[in-house]
Every structure is written in C-alpha cells, then in structure tokens.
Amino acid sequence: MARKCTVSKVKPLVGNNVSHSKRRTKRRQEPNLQWKRFWLEDEKRWIRLRVTARILRTISNRGLKATLKKHGMLKQLVGA
C-alpha cells in the first residue's frame, strides 16, 4: 500500500540530507499517517481511513462530512 493519505492525498517528499561538509544524499520525508476509524452517522457504520495527523485535527474541528466534501472524497467513501 502506498504511503499516502486517503483524504488529502499527501505523499512523501524527497529532499537532501546535507552533512557538515555539505555532502548531499537523498532522503524521504514521510507523512505522519495513522489508521483511524470514523463513525458515519448517516449510514450508521464505521469507515477505516489512513489519514495524516493534520487531517485528524481538521476532522475533529470541522467534522468528517465537511472535510470529506472539501477534499472531494464524500461520494467515493460515503456513497452519497
């Protein structure tokens, strides 16, 4: 499975490790992904999503349905 947020589509960034002598080697910055179950009140069921910690905060503030609608995922995951 790809290391990608199912809601916001955030994926790893690629950059350089730079040493004291300025040598550069490639590195990856992985997103902080978490598996989380969310309750869908409309359908009376749980959905399991792999989301970033930032989207978890957004969902707790705005709500699941509003966040999914903003990111264009409402029809895919809910079926509405």
C-alpha atoms as a PDB file:
ATOM      1  CA  MET A   1       0.000   0.000   0.000  1.00  0.00           C
ATOM      2  CA  ALA A   2       1.256   3.465  -0.858  1.00  0.00           C
ATOM      3  CA  ARG A   3       2.209   5.806   1.953  1.00  0.00           C
ATOM      4  CA  LYS A   4      -0.479   8.297   1.064  1.00  0.00           C
ATOM      5  CA  CYS A   5      -3.308   9.988   2.961  1.00  0.00           C
ATOM      6  CA  THR A   6      -6.661   8.746   1.652  1.00  0.00           C
ATOM      7  CA  VAL A   7      -8.329  12.132   2.209  1.00  0.00           C
ATOM      8  CA  SER A   8      -5.769  14.829   1.402  1.00  0.00           C
ATOM      9  CA  LYS A   9      -3.550  12.743  -0.937  1.00  0.00           C
ATOM     10  CA  VAL A  10      -0.388  13.839   0.943  1.00  0.00           C
ATOM     11  CA  LYS A  11       2.602  11.703  -0.050  1.00  0.00           C
ATOM     12  CA  PRO A  12       6.291  11.576   0.908  1.00  0.00           C
ATOM     13  CA  LEU A  13       8.582  14.456  -0.046  1.00  0.00           C
ATOM     14  CA  VAL A  14      12.086  13.901  -1.420  1.00  0.00           C
ATOM     15  CA  GLY A  15      14.993  16.066  -0.414  1.00  0.00           C
ATOM     16  CA  ASN A  16      18.623  16.014   0.581  1.00  0.00           C
ATOM     17  CA  ASN A  17      20.453  15.224   3.790  1.00  0.00           C
ATOM     18  CA  VAL A  18      23.184  17.830   3.983  1.00  0.00           C
ATOM     19  CA  SER A  19      26.178  16.997   6.151  1.00  0.00           C
ATOM     20  CA  HIS A  20      28.531  19.446   7.827  1.00  0.00           C
ATOM     21  CA  SER A  21      30.858  19.163   4.812  1.00  0.00           C
ATOM     22  CA  LYS A  22      27.870  19.917   2.533  1.00  0.00           C
ATOM     23  CA  ARG A  23      27.716  16.420   1.014  1.00  0.00           C
ATOM     24  CA  ARG A  24      24.189  15.683  -0.193  1.00  0.00           C
ATOM     25  CA  THR A  25      22.448  12.314  -0.045  1.00  0.00           C
ATOM     26  CA  LYS A  26      18.818  11.658  -0.880  1.00  0.00           C
ATOM     27  CA  ARG A  27      16.246  11.278   1.881  1.00  0.00           C
ATOM     28  CA  ARG A  28      12.479  10.915   2.188  1.00  0.00           C
ATOM     29  CA  GLN A  29      10.203  12.871   4.490  1.00  0.00           C
ATOM     30  CA  GLU A  30       7.316  10.556   5.287  1.00  0.00           C
ATOM     31  CA  PRO A  31       3.885  11.936   6.268  1.00  0.00           C
ATOM     32  CA  ASN A  32       2.598  11.147   9.753  1.00  0.00           C
ATOM     33  CA  LEU A  33      -0.014   8.548   8.744  1.00  0.00           C
ATOM     34  CA  GLN A  34      -2.404   6.923  11.195  1.00  0.00           C
ATOM     35  CA  TRP A  35      -5.143   4.311  10.800  1.00  0.00           C
ATOM     36  CA  LYS A  36      -8.371   5.687  12.251  1.00  0.00           C
ATOM     37  CA  ARG A  37     -11.984   4.536  12.378  1.00  0.00           C
ATOM     38  CA  PHE A  38     -14.667   7.156  11.849  1.00  0.00           C
ATOM     39  CA  TRP A  39     -18.381   6.777  12.537  1.00  0.00           C
ATOM     40  CA  LEU A  40     -20.684   7.758   9.666  1.00  0.00           C
ATOM     41  CA  GLU A  41     -23.906   8.906  11.295  1.00  0.00           C
ATOM     42  CA  ASP A  42     -25.878   8.952   8.031  1.00  0.00           C
ATOM     43  CA  GLU A  43     -25.134   5.326   7.181  1.00  0.00           C
ATOM     44  CA  LYS A  44     -24.782   4.016  10.762  1.00  0.00           C
ATOM     45  CA  ARG A  45     -21.434   2.366  10.029  1.00  0.00           C
ATOM     46  CA  TRP A  46     -17.708   2.729  10.624  1.00  0.00           C
ATOM     47  CA  ILE A  47     -15.176   3.555   7.916  1.00  0.00           C
ATOM     48  CA  ARG A  48     -11.464   2.982   8.335  1.00  0.00           C
ATOM     49  CA  LEU A  49      -9.138   5.571   6.798  1.00  0.00           C
ATOM     50  CA  ARG A  50      -5.397   6.087   6.689  1.00  0.00           C
ATOM     51  CA  VAL A  51      -5.030   9.794   7.343  1.00  0.00           C
ATOM     52  CA  THR A  52      -2.347  12.266   8.370  1.00  0.00           C
ATOM     53  CA  ALA A  53      -2.272  13.786  11.830  1.00  0.00           C
ATOM     54  CA  ARG A  54      -3.137  17.169  10.308  1.00  0.00           C
ATOM     55  CA  ILE A  55      -6.333  15.802   8.707  1.00  0.00           C
ATOM     56  CA  LEU A  56      -7.254  14.221  12.066  1.00  0.00           C
ATOM     57  CA  ARG A  57      -7.175  17.709  13.587  1.00  0.00           C
ATOM     58  CA  THR A  58      -9.216  19.100  10.699  1.00  0.00           C
ATOM     59  CA  ILE A  59     -11.837  16.366  11.076  1.00  0.00           C
ATOM     60  CA  SER A  60     -12.103  16.992  14.805  1.00  0.00           C
ATOM     61  CA  ASN A  61     -12.641  20.720  14.174  1.00  0.00           C
ATOM     62  CA  ARG A  62     -14.873  20.743  11.094  1.00  0.00           C
ATOM     63  CA  GLY A  63     -16.393  17.278  11.169  1.00  0.00           C
ATOM     64  CA  LEU A  64     -15.937  14.227   8.953  1.00  0.00           C
ATOM     65  CA  LYS A  65     -18.561  15.015   6.342  1.00  0.00           C
ATOM     66  CA  ALA A  66     -17.415  18.606   5.759  1.00  0.00           C
ATOM     67  CA  THR A  67     -13.772  17.557   5.448  1.00  0.00           C
ATOM     68  CA  LEU A  68     -14.554  14.757   3.006  1.00  0.00           C
ATOM     69  CA  LYS A  69     -16.697  17.127   0.946  1.00  0.00           C
ATOM     70  CA  LYS A  70     -13.937  19.764   0.809  1.00  0.00           C
ATOM     71  CA  HIS A  71     -11.403  17.214  -0.452  1.00  0.00           C
ATOM     72  CA  GLY A  72     -13.801  15.605  -2.941  1.00  0.00           C
ATOM     73  CA  MET A  73     -13.933  12.237  -1.172  1.00  0.00           C
ATOM     74  CA  LEU A  74     -17.550  12.275   0.010  1.00  0.00           C
ATOM     75  CA  LYS A  75     -19.019  10.380  -2.958  1.00  0.00           C
ATOM     76  CA  GLN A  76     -16.232   7.785  -3.006  1.00  0.00           C
ATOM     77  CA  LEU A  77     -16.270   6.850   0.673  1.00  0.00           C
ATOM     78  CA  VAL A  78     -19.849   7.530   1.703  1.00  0.00           C
ATOM     79  CA  GLY A  79     -21.701   6.768  -1.483  1.00  0.00           C
ATOM     80  CA  ALA A  80     -23.935   9.834  -1.203  1.00  0.00           C
END
